[in-house]
Amino acid sequence: MEVLIYLVPMALLLGLSGLAAFMWSLKSGQYDDVQGAAVRVLFDDDMRK
């Protein structure tokens, strides 16, 4: 049971760091153009004639 003294704060710290990383990704615009990335895969950028 003494291990809970270490596991609970570590779980809270990992959860808060994951939440902070998600909030940072939202703020930096990672999810702004979700549809564009799906369509961009279909185009061939290497146009050799």
Protein backbone atom coordinates (compact mmCIF):
# COMPACT_ATOMS: atom_id res chain seq x y z
CA MET A 1 0.00 0.00 0.00
CA GLU A 2 2.95 2.32 0.47
CA VAL A 3 3.51 2.23 -3.28
CA LEU A 4 0.32 4.28 -3.72
CA ILE A 5 2.17 7.25 -2.22
CA TYR A 6 4.34 7.22 -5.36
CA LEU A 7 1.87 5.98 -7.96
CA VAL A 8 -0.96 8.45 -7.39
CA PRO A 9 1.16 11.62 -7.78
CA MET A 10 2.99 10.08 -10.73
CA ALA A 11 -0.34 9.26 -12.43
CA LEU A 12 -1.59 12.78 -11.79
CA LEU A 13 1.62 14.26 -13.17
CA LEU A 14 1.45 12.12 -16.32
CA GLY A 15 -2.21 12.97 -16.83
CA LEU A 16 -1.60 16.69 -16.42
CA SER A 17 1.38 16.60 -18.75
CA GLY A 18 -0.72 14.81 -21.39
CA LEU A 19 -3.45 17.40 -20.98
CA ALA A 20 -0.90 20.20 -21.29
CA ALA A 21 0.52 18.66 -24.47
CA PHE A 22 -2.98 18.37 -25.93
CA MET A 23 -3.80 21.98 -25.06
CA TRP A 24 -0.50 23.11 -26.61
CA SER A 25 -1.30 21.22 -29.81
CA LEU A 26 -4.72 22.86 -29.97
CA LYS A 27 -3.21 26.31 -29.43
CA SER A 28 -0.50 25.79 -32.07
CA GLY A 29 -3.06 24.84 -34.74
CA GLN A 30 -2.37 21.14 -35.17
CA TYR A 31 -6.05 20.35 -35.76
CA ASP A 32 -7.04 23.34 -37.91
CA ASP A 33 -7.00 21.63 -41.33
CA VAL A 34 -8.03 18.04 -40.72
CA GLN A 35 -9.76 17.61 -44.09
CA GLY A 36 -6.86 19.10 -46.07
CA ALA A 37 -4.39 16.51 -44.79
CA ALA A 38 -6.69 13.68 -45.86
CA VAL A 39 -6.98 15.06 -49.39
CA ARG A 40 -3.32 16.07 -49.68
CA VAL A 41 -2.26 12.41 -49.51
CA LEU A 42 -4.04 11.73 -52.79
CA PHE A 43 -2.13 14.33 -54.83
CA ASP A 44 1.17 13.50 -56.51
CA ASP A 45 3.68 16.27 -55.82
CA ASP A 46 6.29 14.73 -58.09
CA MET A 47 5.03 15.88 -61.50
CA ARG A 48 7.58 14.57 -64.03
CA LYS A 49 6.82 15.07 -67.70
